PDB file of N, CA and C in Angstrom:
ATOM      1  N   UNK A   1     -21.299  25.440  78.430  1.00  0.00           N
ATOM      2  CA  UNK A   1     -22.705  25.318  78.758  1.00  0.00           C
ATOM      3  C   UNK A   1     -22.959  24.034  79.555  1.00  0.00           C
ATOM      4  N   UNK A   2     -22.346  22.923  79.128  1.00  0.00           N
ATOM      5  CA  UNK A   2     -22.529  21.664  79.846  1.00  0.00           C
ATOM      6  C   UNK A   2     -22.006  21.770  81.268  1.00  0.00           C
ATOM      7  N   UNK A   3     -20.883  22.471  81.448  1.00  0.00           N
ATOM      8  CA  UNK A   3     -20.308  22.632  82.783  1.00  0.00           C
ATOM      9  C   UNK A   3     -21.258  23.434  83.670  1.00  0.00           C
ATOM     10  N   UNK A   4     -21.872  24.469  83.118  1.00  0.00           N
ATOM     11  CA  UNK A   4     -22.830  25.271  83.882  1.00  0.00           C
ATOM     12  C   UNK A   4     -24.025  24.424  84.319  1.00  0.00           C
ATOM     13  N   UNK A   5     -24.569  23.629  83.408  1.00  0.00           N
ATOM     14  CA  UNK A   5     -25.701  22.772  83.735  1.00  0.00           C
ATOM     15  C   UNK A   5     -25.328  21.732  84.789  1.00  0.00           C
ATOM     16  N   UNK A   6     -24.140  21.159  84.671  1.00  0.00           N
ATOM     17  CA  UNK A   6     -23.676  20.188  85.654  1.00  0.00           C
ATOM     18  C   UNK A   6     -23.532  20.843  87.026  1.00  0.00           C
ATOM     19  N   UNK A   7     -23.000  22.052  87.068  1.00  0.00           N
ATOM     20  CA  UNK A   7     -22.837  22.777  88.322  1.00  0.00           C
ATOM     21  C   UNK A   7     -24.197  23.046  88.968  1.00  0.00           C
ATOM     22  N   UNK A   8     -25.153  23.488  88.176  1.00  0.00           N
ATOM     23  CA  UNK A   8     -26.499  23.749  88.692  1.00  0.00           C
ATOM     24  C   UNK A   8     -27.114  22.458  89.227  1.00  0.00           C
ATOM     25  N   UNK A   9     -26.975  21.383  88.485  1.00  0.00           N
ATOM     26  CA  UNK A   9     -27.513  20.085  88.911  1.00  0.00           C
ATOM     27  C   UNK A   9     -26.907  19.660  90.245  1.00  0.00           C
ATOM     28  N   UNK A  10     -25.614  19.790  90.391  1.00  0.00           N
ATOM     29  CA  UNK A  10     -24.934  19.381  91.620  1.00  0.00           C
ATOM     30  C   UNK A  10     -25.348  20.244  92.803  1.00  0.00           C
ATOM     31  N   UNK A  11     -25.534  21.544  92.574  1.00  0.00           N
ATOM     32  CA  UNK A  11     -25.970  22.432  93.645  1.00  0.00           C
ATOM     33  C   UNK A  11     -27.387  22.079  94.104  1.00  0.00           C
ATOM     34  N   UNK A  12     -28.261  21.780  93.155  1.00  0.00           N
ATOM     35  CA  UNK A  12     -29.636  21.423  93.507  1.00  0.00           C
ATOM     36  C   UNK A  12     -29.677  20.086  94.230  1.00  0.00           C
ATOM     37  N   UNK A  13     -28.808  19.170  93.860  1.00  0.00           N
ATOM     38  CA  UNK A  13     -28.799  17.844  94.480  1.00  0.00           C
ATOM     39  C   UNK A  13     -28.460  17.927  95.964  1.00  0.00           C
ATOM     40  N   UNK A  14     -27.796  19.002  96.380  1.00  0.00           N
ATOM     41  CA  UNK A  14     -27.458  19.181  97.788  1.00  0.00           C
ATOM     42  C   UNK A  14     -28.647  19.666  98.614  1.00  0.00           C
ATOM     43  N   UNK A  15     -29.684  20.168  97.972  1.00  0.00           N
ATOM     44  CA  UNK A  15     -30.862  20.673  98.662  1.00  0.00           C
ATOM     45  C   UNK A  15     -31.880  19.548  98.848  1.00  0.00           C
ATOM     46  N   UNK A  16     -32.413  19.393 100.040  1.00  0.00           N
ATOM     47  CA  UNK A  16     -33.441  18.365 100.207  1.00  0.00           C
ATOM     48  C   UNK A  16     -34.756  18.805  99.567  1.00  0.00           C
ATOM     49  N   UNK A  17     -35.598  17.852  99.278  1.00  0.00           N
ATOM     50  CA  UNK A  17     -36.970  18.177  98.909  1.00  0.00           C
ATOM     51  C   UNK A  17     -37.669  18.572 100.208  1.00  0.00           C
ATOM     52  N   UNK A  18     -38.697  19.382 100.103  1.00  0.00           N
ATOM     53  CA  UNK A  18     -39.387  19.835 101.312  1.00  0.00           C
ATOM     54  C   UNK A  18     -40.878  19.625 101.183  1.00  0.00           C
ATOM     55  N   UNK A  19     -41.475  19.263 102.294  1.00  0.00           N
ATOM     56  CA  UNK A  19     -42.925  19.232 102.412  1.00  0.00           C
ATOM     57  C   UNK A  19     -43.271  20.212 103.523  1.00  0.00           C
ATOM     58  N   UNK A  20     -44.114  21.183 103.175  1.00  0.00           N
ATOM     59  CA  UNK A  20     -44.605  22.149 104.149  1.00  0.00           C
ATOM     60  C   UNK A  20     -46.063  21.823 104.442  1.00  0.00           C
ATOM     61  N   UNK A  21     -46.391  21.752 105.721  1.00  0.00           N
ATOM     62  CA  UNK A  21     -47.754  21.484 106.155  1.00  0.00           C
ATOM     63  C   UNK A  21     -48.251  22.713 106.916  1.00  0.00           C
ATOM     64  N   UNK A  22     -49.200  23.418 106.328  1.00  0.00           N
ATOM     65  CA  UNK A  22     -49.784  24.603 106.943  1.00  0.00           C
ATOM     66  C   UNK A  22     -51.146  24.206 107.511  1.00  0.00           C
ATOM     67  N   UNK A  23     -51.422  24.596 108.761  1.00  0.00           N
ATOM     68  CA  UNK A  23     -52.686  24.190 109.361  1.00  0.00           C
ATOM     69  C   UNK A  23     -53.193  25.207 110.367  1.00  0.00           C
ATOM     70  N   UNK A  24     -54.509  25.187 110.524  1.00  0.00           N
ATOM     71  CA  UNK A  24     -55.193  26.004 111.503  1.00  0.00           C
ATOM     72  C   UNK A  24     -55.453  25.111 112.704  1.00  0.00           C
ATOM     73  N   UNK A  25     -54.991  25.487 113.851  1.00  0.00           N
ATOM     74  CA  UNK A  25     -55.081  24.643 115.044  1.00  0.00           C
ATOM     75  C   UNK A  25     -56.518  24.249 115.387  1.00  0.00           C
ATOM     76  N   UNK A  26     -57.478  25.114 115.072  1.00  0.00           N
ATOM     77  CA  UNK A  26     -58.882  24.814 115.392  1.00  0.00           C
ATOM     78  C   UNK A  26     -59.418  23.646 114.568  1.00  0.00           C
ATOM     79  N   UNK A  27     -58.852  23.443 113.382  1.00  0.00           N
ATOM     80  CA  UNK A  27     -59.290  22.362 112.487  1.00  0.00           C
ATOM     81  C   UNK A  27     -58.095  21.503 112.088  1.00  0.00           C
ATOM     82  N   UNK A  28     -57.393  20.993 113.082  1.00  0.00           N
ATOM     83  CA  UNK A  28     -56.125  20.318 112.809  1.00  0.00           C
ATOM     84  C   UNK A  28     -56.270  18.826 112.490  1.00  0.00           C
ATOM     85  N   UNK A  29     -57.479  18.330 112.279  1.00  0.00           N
ATOM     86  CA  UNK A  29     -57.685  16.907 112.017  1.00  0.00           C
ATOM     87  C   UNK A  29     -56.962  16.404 110.786  1.00  0.00           C
ATOM     88  N   UNK A  30     -57.031  17.164 109.680  1.00  0.00           N
ATOM     89  CA  UNK A  30     -56.338  16.759 108.442  1.00  0.00           C
ATOM     90  C   UNK A  30     -54.834  16.762 108.677  1.00  0.00           C
ATOM     91  N   UNK A  31     -54.340  17.789 109.362  1.00  0.00           N
ATOM     92  CA  UNK A  31     -52.902  17.875 109.654  1.00  0.00           C
ATOM     93  C   UNK A  31     -52.456  16.665 110.473  1.00  0.00           C
ATOM     94  N   UNK A  32     -53.239  16.286 111.478  1.00  0.00           N
ATOM     95  CA  UNK A  32     -52.900  15.138 112.318  1.00  0.00           C
ATOM     96  C   UNK A  32     -52.816  13.865 111.482  1.00  0.00           C
ATOM     97  N   UNK A  33     -53.786  13.670 110.593  1.00  0.00           N
ATOM     98  CA  UNK A  33     -53.773  12.491 109.715  1.00  0.00           C
ATOM     99  C   UNK A  33     -52.582  12.521 108.763  1.00  0.00           C
ATOM    100  N   UNK A  34     -52.259  13.717 108.239  1.00  0.00           N
ATOM    101  CA  UNK A  34     -51.137  13.836 107.310  1.00  0.00           C
ATOM    102  C   UNK A  34     -49.823  13.499 107.997  1.00  0.00           C
ATOM    103  N   UNK A  35     -49.618  14.029 109.184  1.00  0.00           N
ATOM    104  CA  UNK A  35     -48.393  13.753 109.943  1.00  0.00           C
ATOM    105  C   UNK A  35     -48.280  12.254 110.228  1.00  0.00           C
ATOM    106  N   UNK A  36     -49.378  11.637 110.590  1.00  0.00           N
ATOM    107  CA  UNK A  36     -49.385  10.196 110.857  1.00  0.00           C
ATOM    108  C   UNK A  36     -49.025   9.409 109.596  1.00  0.00           C
ATOM    109  N   UNK A  37     -49.600   9.809 108.475  1.00  0.00           N
ATOM    110  CA  UNK A  37     -49.309   9.152 107.183  1.00  0.00           C
ATOM    111  C   UNK A  37     -47.820   9.240 106.856  1.00  0.00           C
ATOM    112  N   UNK A  38     -47.237  10.408 107.021  1.00  0.00           N
ATOM    113  CA  UNK A  38     -45.818  10.593 106.692  1.00  0.00           C
ATOM    114  C   UNK A  38     -44.914   9.896 107.711  1.00  0.00           C
ATOM    115  N   UNK A  39     -45.289   9.941 108.981  1.00  0.00           N
ATOM    116  CA  UNK A  39     -44.495   9.259 110.018  1.00  0.00           C
ATOM    117  C   UNK A  39     -44.422   7.757 109.785  1.00  0.00           C
ATOM    118  N   UNK A  40     -45.443   7.202 109.174  1.00  0.00           N
ATOM    119  CA  UNK A  40     -45.469   5.754 108.936  1.00  0.00           C
ATOM    120  C   UNK A  40     -44.601   5.346 107.746  1.00  0.00           C
ATOM    121  N   UNK A  41     -44.028   6.324 107.064  1.00  0.00           N
ATOM    122  CA  UNK A  41     -43.234   6.058 105.850  1.00  0.00           C
ATOM    123  C   UNK A  41     -41.820   6.627 105.958  1.00  0.00           C
ATOM    124  N   UNK A  42     -41.207   6.483 107.091  1.00  0.00           N
ATOM    125  CA  UNK A  42     -39.892   7.100 107.338  1.00  0.00           C
ATOM    126  C   UNK A  42     -38.816   6.660 106.341  1.00  0.00           C
ATOM    127  N   UNK A  43     -38.813   5.397 105.962  1.00  0.00           N
ATOM    128  CA  UNK A  43     -37.800   4.920 105.012  1.00  0.00           C
ATOM    129  C   UNK A  43     -37.970   5.607 103.658  1.00  0.00           C
ATOM    130  N   UNK A  44     -39.189   5.660 103.154  1.00  0.00           N
ATOM    131  CA  UNK A  44     -39.448   6.317 101.875  1.00  0.00           C
ATOM    132  C   UNK A  44     -39.140   7.803 101.916  1.00  0.00           C
ATOM    133  N   UNK A  45     -39.427   8.436 103.036  1.00  0.00           N
ATOM    134  CA  UNK A  45     -39.127   9.858 103.218  1.00  0.00           C
ATOM    135  C   UNK A  45     -37.612  10.066 103.184  1.00  0.00           C
ATOM    136  N   UNK A  46     -36.897   9.213 103.897  1.00  0.00           N
ATOM    137  CA  UNK A  46     -35.430   9.322 103.944  1.00  0.00           C
ATOM    138  C   UNK A  46     -34.821   9.030 102.570  1.00  0.00           C
ATOM    139  N   UNK A  47     -35.298   7.973 101.908  1.00  0.00           N
ATOM    140  CA  UNK A  47     -34.770   7.602 100.591  1.00  0.00           C
ATOM    141  C   UNK A  47     -34.919   8.736  99.575  1.00  0.00           C
ATOM    142  N   UNK A  48     -35.988   9.511  99.717  1.00  0.00           N
ATOM    143  CA  UNK A  48     -36.260  10.595  98.767  1.00  0.00           C
ATOM    144  C   UNK A  48     -35.753  11.940  99.275  1.00  0.00           C
ATOM    145  N   UNK A  49     -35.065  11.935 100.405  1.00  0.00           N
ATOM    146  CA  UNK A  49     -34.461  13.134 100.973  1.00  0.00           C
ATOM    147  C   UNK A  49     -35.490  14.256 101.142  1.00  0.00           C
ATOM    148  N   UNK A  50     -36.520  13.963 101.933  1.00  0.00           N
ATOM    149  CA  UNK A  50     -37.594  14.922 102.168  1.00  0.00           C
ATOM    150  C   UNK A  50     -37.510  15.435 103.603  1.00  0.00           C
ATOM    151  N   UNK A  51     -37.568  16.751 103.754  1.00  0.00           N
ATOM    152  CA  UNK A  51     -37.637  17.392 105.060  1.00  0.00           C
ATOM    153  C   UNK A  51     -39.059  17.917 105.216  1.00  0.00           C
ATOM    154  N   UNK A  52     -39.697  17.560 106.318  1.00  0.00           N
ATOM    155  CA  UNK A  52     -41.090  17.940 106.556  1.00  0.00           C
ATOM    156  C   UNK A  52     -41.139  18.983 107.666  1.00  0.00           C
ATOM    157  N   UNK A  53     -41.843  20.087 107.401  1.00  0.00           N
ATOM    158  CA  UNK A  53     -41.983  21.155 108.382  1.00  0.00           C
ATOM    159  C   UNK A  53     -43.443  21.561 108.461  1.00  0.00           C
ATOM    160  N   UNK A  54     -43.937  21.698 109.676  1.00  0.00           N
ATOM    161  CA  UNK A  54     -45.311  22.141 109.899  1.00  0.00           C
ATOM    162  C   UNK A  54     -45.329  23.589 110.365  1.00  0.00           C
ATOM    163  N   UNK A  55     -46.341  24.326 109.884  1.00  0.00           N
ATOM    164  CA  UNK A  55     -46.518  25.724 110.259  1.00  0.00           C
ATOM    165  C   UNK A  55     -47.955  25.960 110.694  1.00  0.00           C
ATOM    166  N   UNK A  56     -48.144  26.135 111.991  1.00  0.00           N
ATOM    167  CA  UNK A  56     -49.461  26.446 112.534  1.00  0.00           C
ATOM    168  C   UNK A  56     -49.765  27.917 112.226  1.00  0.00           C
ATOM    169  N   UNK A  57     -51.023  28.221 111.983  1.00  0.00           N
ATOM    170  CA  UNK A  57     -51.429  29.607 111.772  1.00  0.00           C
ATOM    171  C   UNK A  57     -51.185  30.377 113.063  1.00  0.00           C
ATOM    172  N   UNK A  58     -50.229  31.314 113.000  1.00  0.00           N
ATOM    173  CA  UNK A  58     -49.868  32.115 114.172  1.00  0.00           C
ATOM    174  C   UNK A  58     -49.095  33.338 113.710  1.00  0.00           C
ATOM    175  N   UNK A  59     -48.991  34.308 114.583  1.00  0.00           N
ATOM    176  CA  UNK A  59     -48.215  35.514 114.270  1.00  0.00           C
ATOM    177  C   UNK A  59     -46.754  35.156 114.009  1.00  0.00           C
ATOM    178  N   UNK A  60     -46.256  34.179 114.731  1.00  0.00           N
ATOM    179  CA  UNK A  60     -44.864  33.733 114.590  1.00  0.00           C
ATOM    180  C   UNK A  60     -44.574  33.204 113.180  1.00  0.00           C
ATOM    181  N   UNK A  61     -45.565  32.573 112.555  1.00  0.00           N
ATOM    182  CA  UNK A  61     -45.382  31.955 111.235  1.00  0.00           C
ATOM    183  C   UNK A  61     -45.963  32.778 110.089  1.00  0.00           C
ATOM    184  N   UNK A  62     -46.365  33.998 110.366  1.00  0.00           N
ATOM    185  CA  UNK A  62     -47.043  34.809 109.358  1.00  0.00           C
ATOM    186  C   UNK A  62     -46.206  35.024 108.095  1.00  0.00           C
ATOM    187  N   UNK A  63     -44.916  35.238 108.239  1.00  0.00           N
ATOM    188  CA  UNK A  63     -44.052  35.486 107.083  1.00  0.00           C
ATOM    189  C   UNK A  63     -44.052  34.316 106.114  1.00  0.00           C
ATOM    190  N   UNK A  64     -43.927  33.103 106.625  1.00  0.00           N
ATOM    191  CA  UNK A  64     -43.889  31.927 105.753  1.00  0.00           C
ATOM    192  C   UNK A  64     -45.272  31.669 105.135  1.00  0.00           C
ATOM    193  N   UNK A  65     -46.337  31.951 105.867  1.00  0.00           N
ATOM    194  CA  UNK A  65     -47.691  31.816 105.303  1.00  0.00           C
ATOM    195  C   UNK A  65     -47.860  32.782 104.127  1.00  0.00           C
ATOM    196  N   UNK A  66     -47.350  34.002 104.277  1.00  0.00           N
ATOM    197  CA  UNK A  66     -47.446  34.994 103.187  1.00  0.00           C
ATOM    198  C   UNK A  66     -46.556  34.594 102.014  1.00  0.00           C
ATOM    199  N   UNK A  67     -45.348  34.145 102.302  1.00  0.00           N
ATOM    200  CA  UNK A  67     -44.413  33.762 101.240  1.00  0.00           C
ATOM    201  C   UNK A  67     -45.027  32.706 100.324  1.00  0.00           C
ATOM    202  N   UNK A  68     -45.724  31.741 100.907  1.00  0.00           N
ATOM    203  CA  UNK A  68     -46.296  30.641 100.120  1.00  0.00           C
ATOM    204  C   UNK A  68     -47.762  30.890  99.765  1.00  0.00           C
ATOM    205  N   UNK A  69     -48.253  32.111 100.045  1.00  0.00           N
ATOM    206  CA  UNK A  69     -49.599  32.533  99.647  1.00  0.00           C
ATOM    207  C   UNK A  69     -50.662  31.515 100.084  1.00  0.00           C
ATOM    208  N   UNK A  70     -50.672  31.229 101.383  1.00  0.00           N
ATOM    209  CA  UNK A  70     -51.589  30.236 101.940  1.00  0.00           C
ATOM    210  C   UNK A  70     -52.946  30.880 102.203  1.00  0.00           C
ATOM    211  N   UNK A  71     -53.995  30.223 101.743  1.00  0.00           N
ATOM    212  CA  UNK A  71     -55.368  30.672 101.961  1.00  0.00           C
ATOM    213  C   UNK A  71     -55.752  30.352 103.408  1.00  0.00           C
ATOM    214  N   UNK A  72     -55.894  31.380 104.216  1.00  0.00           N
ATOM    215  CA  UNK A  72     -56.180  31.192 105.644  1.00  0.00           C
ATOM    216  C   UNK A  72     -57.572  30.633 105.908  1.00  0.00           C
ATOM    217  N   UNK A  73     -58.434  30.678 104.915  1.00  0.00           N
ATOM    218  CA  UNK A  73     -59.784  30.140 105.106  1.00  0.00           C
ATOM    219  C   UNK A  73     -59.791  28.608 105.017  1.00  0.00           C
ATOM    220  N   UNK A  74     -58.710  28.037 104.533  1.00  0.00           N
ATOM    221  CA  UNK A  74     -58.589  26.578 104.429  1.00  0.00           C
ATOM    222  C   UNK A  74     -57.941  26.051 105.704  1.00  0.00           C
ATOM    223  N   UNK A  75     -58.427  24.938 106.244  1.00  0.00           N
ATOM    224  CA  UNK A  75     -57.857  24.413 107.487  1.00  0.00           C
ATOM    225  C   UNK A  75     -56.483  23.769 107.313  1.00  0.00           C
ATOM    226  N   UNK A  76     -56.123  23.443 106.048  1.00  0.00           N
ATOM    227  CA  UNK A  76     -54.885  22.689 105.819  1.00  0.00           C
ATOM    228  C   UNK A  76     -54.386  22.929 104.393  1.00  0.00           C
ATOM    229  N   UNK A  77     -53.078  23.071 104.262  1.00  0.00           N
ATOM    230  CA  UNK A  77     -52.445  23.144 102.944  1.00  0.00           C
ATOM    231  C   UNK A  77     -51.152  22.345 102.975  1.00  0.00           C
ATOM    232  N   UNK A  78     -50.993  21.492 101.976  1.00  0.00           N
ATOM    233  CA  UNK A  78     -49.792  20.664 101.776  1.00  0.00           C
ATOM    234  C   UNK A  78     -49.051  21.237 100.583  1.00  0.00           C
ATOM    235  N   UNK A  79     -47.740  21.484 100.734  1.00  0.00           N
ATOM    236  CA  UNK A  79     -46.924  21.950  99.607  1.00  0.00           C
ATOM    237  C   UNK A  79     -45.670  21.089  99.514  1.00  0.00           C
ATOM    238  N   UNK A  80     -45.411  20.586  98.312  1.00  0.00           N
ATOM    239  CA  UNK A  80     -44.170  19.875  98.007  1.00  0.00           C
ATOM    240  C   UNK A  80     -43.265  20.839  97.251  1.00  0.00           C
ATOM    241  N   UNK A  81     -42.043  20.999  97.740  1.00  0.00           N
ATOM    242  CA  UNK A  81     -41.055  21.876  97.117  1.00  0.00           C
ATOM    243  C   UNK A  81     -39.899  21.009  96.632  1.00  0.00           C
ATOM    244  N   UNK A  82     -39.527  21.176  95.376  1.00  0.00           N
ATOM    245  CA  UNK A  82     -38.443  20.392  94.799  1.00  0.00           C
ATOM    246  C   UNK A  82     -37.073  20.888  95.219  1.00  0.00           C
ATOM    247  N   UNK A  83     -36.076  20.153  94.808  1.00  0.00           N
ATOM    248  CA  UNK A  83     -34.689  20.521  95.119  1.00  0.00           C
ATOM    249  C   UNK A  83     -34.318  21.889  94.552  1.00  0.00           C
ATOM    250  N   UNK A  84     -35.014  22.304  93.500  1.00  0.00           N
ATOM    251  CA  UNK A  84     -34.739  23.599  92.887  1.00  0.00           C
ATOM    252  C   UNK A  84     -35.423  24.758  93.611  1.00  0.00           C
ATOM    253  N   UNK A  85     -36.180  24.442  94.663  1.00  0.00           N
ATOM    254  CA  UNK A  85     -36.862  25.477  95.428  1.00  0.00           C
ATOM    255  C   UNK A  85     -38.226  25.853  94.886  1.00  0.00           C
ATOM    256  N   UNK A  86     -38.639  25.209  93.806  1.00  0.00           N
ATOM    257  CA  UNK A  86     -39.924  25.517  93.201  1.00  0.00           C
ATOM    258  C   UNK A  86     -41.037  24.638  93.732  1.00  0.00           C
ATOM    259  N   UNK A  87     -42.239  25.205  93.762  1.00  0.00           N
ATOM    260  CA  UNK A  87     -43.408  24.453  94.213  1.00  0.00           C
ATOM    261  C   UNK A  87     -43.770  23.407  93.169  1.00  0.00           C
ATOM    262  N   UNK A  88     -43.894  22.162  93.591  1.00  0.00           N
ATOM    263  CA  UNK A  88     -44.200  21.052  92.683  1.00  0.00           C
ATOM    264  C   UNK A  88     -45.625  20.527  92.839  1.00  0.00           C
ATOM    265  N   UNK A  89     -46.191  20.702  94.033  1.00  0.00           N
ATOM    266  CA  UNK A  89     -47.550  20.206  94.265  1.00  0.00           C
ATOM    267  C   UNK A  89     -48.143  20.949  95.452  1.00  0.00           C
ATOM    268  N   UNK A  90     -49.443  21.259  95.345  1.00  0.00           N
ATOM    269  CA  UNK A  90     -50.171  21.913  96.429  1.00  0.00           C
ATOM    270  C   UNK A  90     -51.538  21.247  96.546  1.00  0.00           C
ATOM    271  N   UNK A  91     -51.967  21.021  97.792  1.00  0.00           N
ATOM    272  CA  UNK A  91     -53.273  20.413  98.024  1.00  0.00           C
ATOM    273  C   UNK A  91     -53.837  20.895  99.351  1.00  0.00           C
ATOM    274  N   UNK A  92     -55.152  21.022  99.408  1.00  0.00           N
ATOM    275  CA  UNK A  92     -55.825  21.326 100.668  1.00  0.00           C
ATOM    276  C   UNK A  92     -56.401  20.056 101.291  1.00  0.00           C
ATOM    277  N   UNK A  93     -56.053  18.918 100.695  1.00  0.00           N
ATOM    278  CA  UNK A  93     -56.459  17.608 101.194  1.00  0.00           C
ATOM    279  C   UNK A  93     -55.217  16.845 101.645  1.00  0.00           C
ATOM    280  N   UNK A  94     -55.436  15.811 102.438  1.00  0.00           N
ATOM    281  CA  UNK A  94     -54.324  14.960 102.829  1.00  0.00           C
ATOM    282  C   UNK A  94     -53.739  14.298 101.580  1.00  0.00           C
ATOM    283  N   UNK A  95     -52.424  14.202 101.519  1.00  0.00           N
ATOM    284  CA  UNK A  95     -51.729  13.572 100.399  1.00  0.00           C
ATOM    285  C   UNK A  95     -51.180  12.233 100.890  1.00  0.00           C
ATOM    286  N   UNK A  96     -51.562  11.162 100.224  1.00  0.00           N
ATOM    287  CA  UNK A  96     -51.071   9.843 100.627  1.00  0.00           C
ATOM    288  C   UNK A  96     -49.588   9.718 100.288  1.00  0.00           C
ATOM    289  N   UNK A  97     -48.924   8.793 100.960  1.00  0.00           N
ATOM    290  CA  UNK A  97     -47.515   8.596 100.646  1.00  0.00           C
ATOM    291  C   UNK A  97     -47.352   8.085  99.212  1.00  0.00           C
ATOM    292  N   UNK A  98     -48.322   7.325  98.715  1.00  0.00           N
ATOM    293  CA  UNK A  98     -48.231   6.831  97.336  1.00  0.00           C
ATOM    294  C   UNK A  98     -48.263   8.001  96.343  1.00  0.00           C
ATOM    295  N   UNK A  99     -49.147   8.958  96.593  1.00  0.00           N
ATOM    296  CA  UNK A  99     -49.234  10.127  95.714  1.00  0.00           C
ATOM    297  C   UNK A  99     -47.954  10.958  95.796  1.00  0.00           C
ATOM    298  N   UNK A 100     -47.483  11.212  97.015  1.00  0.00           N
ATOM    299  CA  UNK A 100     -46.259  11.993  97.208  1.00  0.00           C
ATOM    300  C   UNK A 100     -45.071  11.311  96.542  1.00  0.00           C
ATOM    301  N   UNK A 101     -44.860  10.024  96.819  1.00  0.00           N
ATOM    302  CA  UNK A 101     -43.726   9.309  96.261  1.00  0.00           C
ATOM    303  C   UNK A 101     -43.844   9.211  94.739  1.00  0.00           C
ATOM    304  N   UNK A 102     -45.061   9.034  94.228  1.00  0.00           N
ATOM    305  CA  UNK A 102     -45.272   8.970  92.783  1.00  0.00           C
ATOM    306  C   UNK A 102     -44.871  10.268  92.094  1.00  0.00           C
ATOM    307  N   UNK A 103     -45.257  11.399  92.698  1.00  0.00           N
ATOM    308  CA  UNK A 103     -44.893  12.698  92.115  1.00  0.00           C
ATOM    309  C   UNK A 103     -43.378  12.891  92.126  1.00  0.00           C
ATOM    310  N   UNK A 104     -42.752  12.542  93.247  1.00  0.00           N
ATOM    311  CA  UNK A 104     -41.299  12.709  93.355  1.00  0.00           C
ATOM    312  C   UNK A 104     -40.577  11.747  92.413  1.00  0.00           C
ATOM    313  N   UNK A 105     -41.001  10.490  92.392  1.00  0.00           N
ATOM    314  CA  UNK A 105     -40.320   9.490  91.562  1.00  0.00           C
ATOM    315  C   UNK A 105     -40.446   9.783  90.077  1.00  0.00           C
ATOM    316  N   UNK A 106     -41.424  10.593  89.682  1.00  0.00           N
ATOM    317  CA  UNK A 106     -41.588  10.974  88.281  1.00  0.00           C
ATOM    318  C   UNK A 106     -40.706  12.163  87.887  1.00  0.00           C
ATOM    319  N   UNK A 107     -40.085  12.807  88.860  1.00  0.00           N
ATOM    320  CA  UNK A 107     -39.235  13.979  88.588  1.00  0.00           C
ATOM    321  C   UNK A 107     -37.918  13.526  87.961  1.00  0.00           C
ATOM    322  N   UNK A 108     -37.428  14.288  86.992  1.00  0.00           N
ATOM    323  CA  UNK A 108     -36.177  13.908  86.323  1.00  0.00           C
ATOM    324  C   UNK A 108     -34.997  13.714  87.284  1.00  0.00           C
ATOM    325  N   UNK A 109     -34.870  14.581  88.271  1.00  0.00           N
ATOM    326  CA  UNK A 109     -33.735  14.455  89.185  1.00  0.00           C
ATOM    327  C   UNK A 109     -33.848  13.165  89.998  1.00  0.00           C
ATOM    328  N   UNK A 110     -35.057  12.810  90.407  1.00  0.00           N
ATOM    329  CA  UNK A 110     -35.245  11.568  91.166  1.00  0.00           C
ATOM    330  C   UNK A 110     -34.954  10.356  90.293  1.00  0.00           C
ATOM    331  N   UNK A 111     -35.371  10.411  89.024  1.00  0.00           N
ATOM    332  CA  UNK A 111     -35.061   9.298  88.112  1.00  0.00           C
ATOM    333  C   UNK A 111     -33.566   9.108  88.001  1.00  0.00           C
ATOM    334  N   UNK A 112     -32.835  10.218  87.972  1.00  0.00           N
ATOM    335  CA  UNK A 112     -31.382  10.149  87.903  1.00  0.00           C
ATOM    336  C   UNK A 112     -30.814   9.548  89.198  1.00  0.00           C
ATOM    337  N   UNK A 113     -31.381   9.905  90.340  1.00  0.00           N
ATOM    338  CA  UNK A 113     -30.940   9.363  91.614  1.00  0.00           C
ATOM    339  C   UNK A 113     -31.172   7.852  91.687  1.00  0.00           C
ATOM    340  N   UNK A 114     -32.299   7.414  91.175  1.00  0.00           N
ATOM    341  CA  UNK A 114     -32.638   5.988  91.200  1.00  0.00           C
ATOM    342  C   UNK A 114     -31.647   5.193  90.359  1.00  0.00           C
ATOM    343  N   UNK A 115     -31.248   5.752  89.217  1.00  0.00           N
ATOM    344  CA  UNK A 115     -30.286   5.067  88.344  1.00  0.00           C
ATOM    345  C   UNK A 115     -28.945   4.855  89.034  1.00  0.00           C
ATOM    346  N   UNK A 116     -28.576   5.819  89.889  1.00  0.00           N
ATOM    347  CA  UNK A 116     -27.293   5.709  90.599  1.00  0.00           C
ATOM    348  C   UNK A 116     -27.458   4.706  91.685  1.00  0.00           C
TER     349      UNK A 116
END
């Protein structure tokens, strides 16, 4: 059992954390501010192994919008996905780097990474 848990832990550790930014181009002000906020924190993003991807509302991105059940009536949605592939946080407001880093740093896997 311990070997199985260790294997799962090691496999998850290879996956980056993800931030998905969904936005409607007509109301992209929040998205612009969010991107600026994250761009200003490159070291913290790198230290926490976060990959950031933006998805504009379009036919090309429809599959991913459906997969994450994004409310199209909202101009912006922020989703944090953990190393395990599960949704950890969702917001229709801009998320500060302090809030994002605080949520990640409170995760058990991140605490383990910090100890190393």
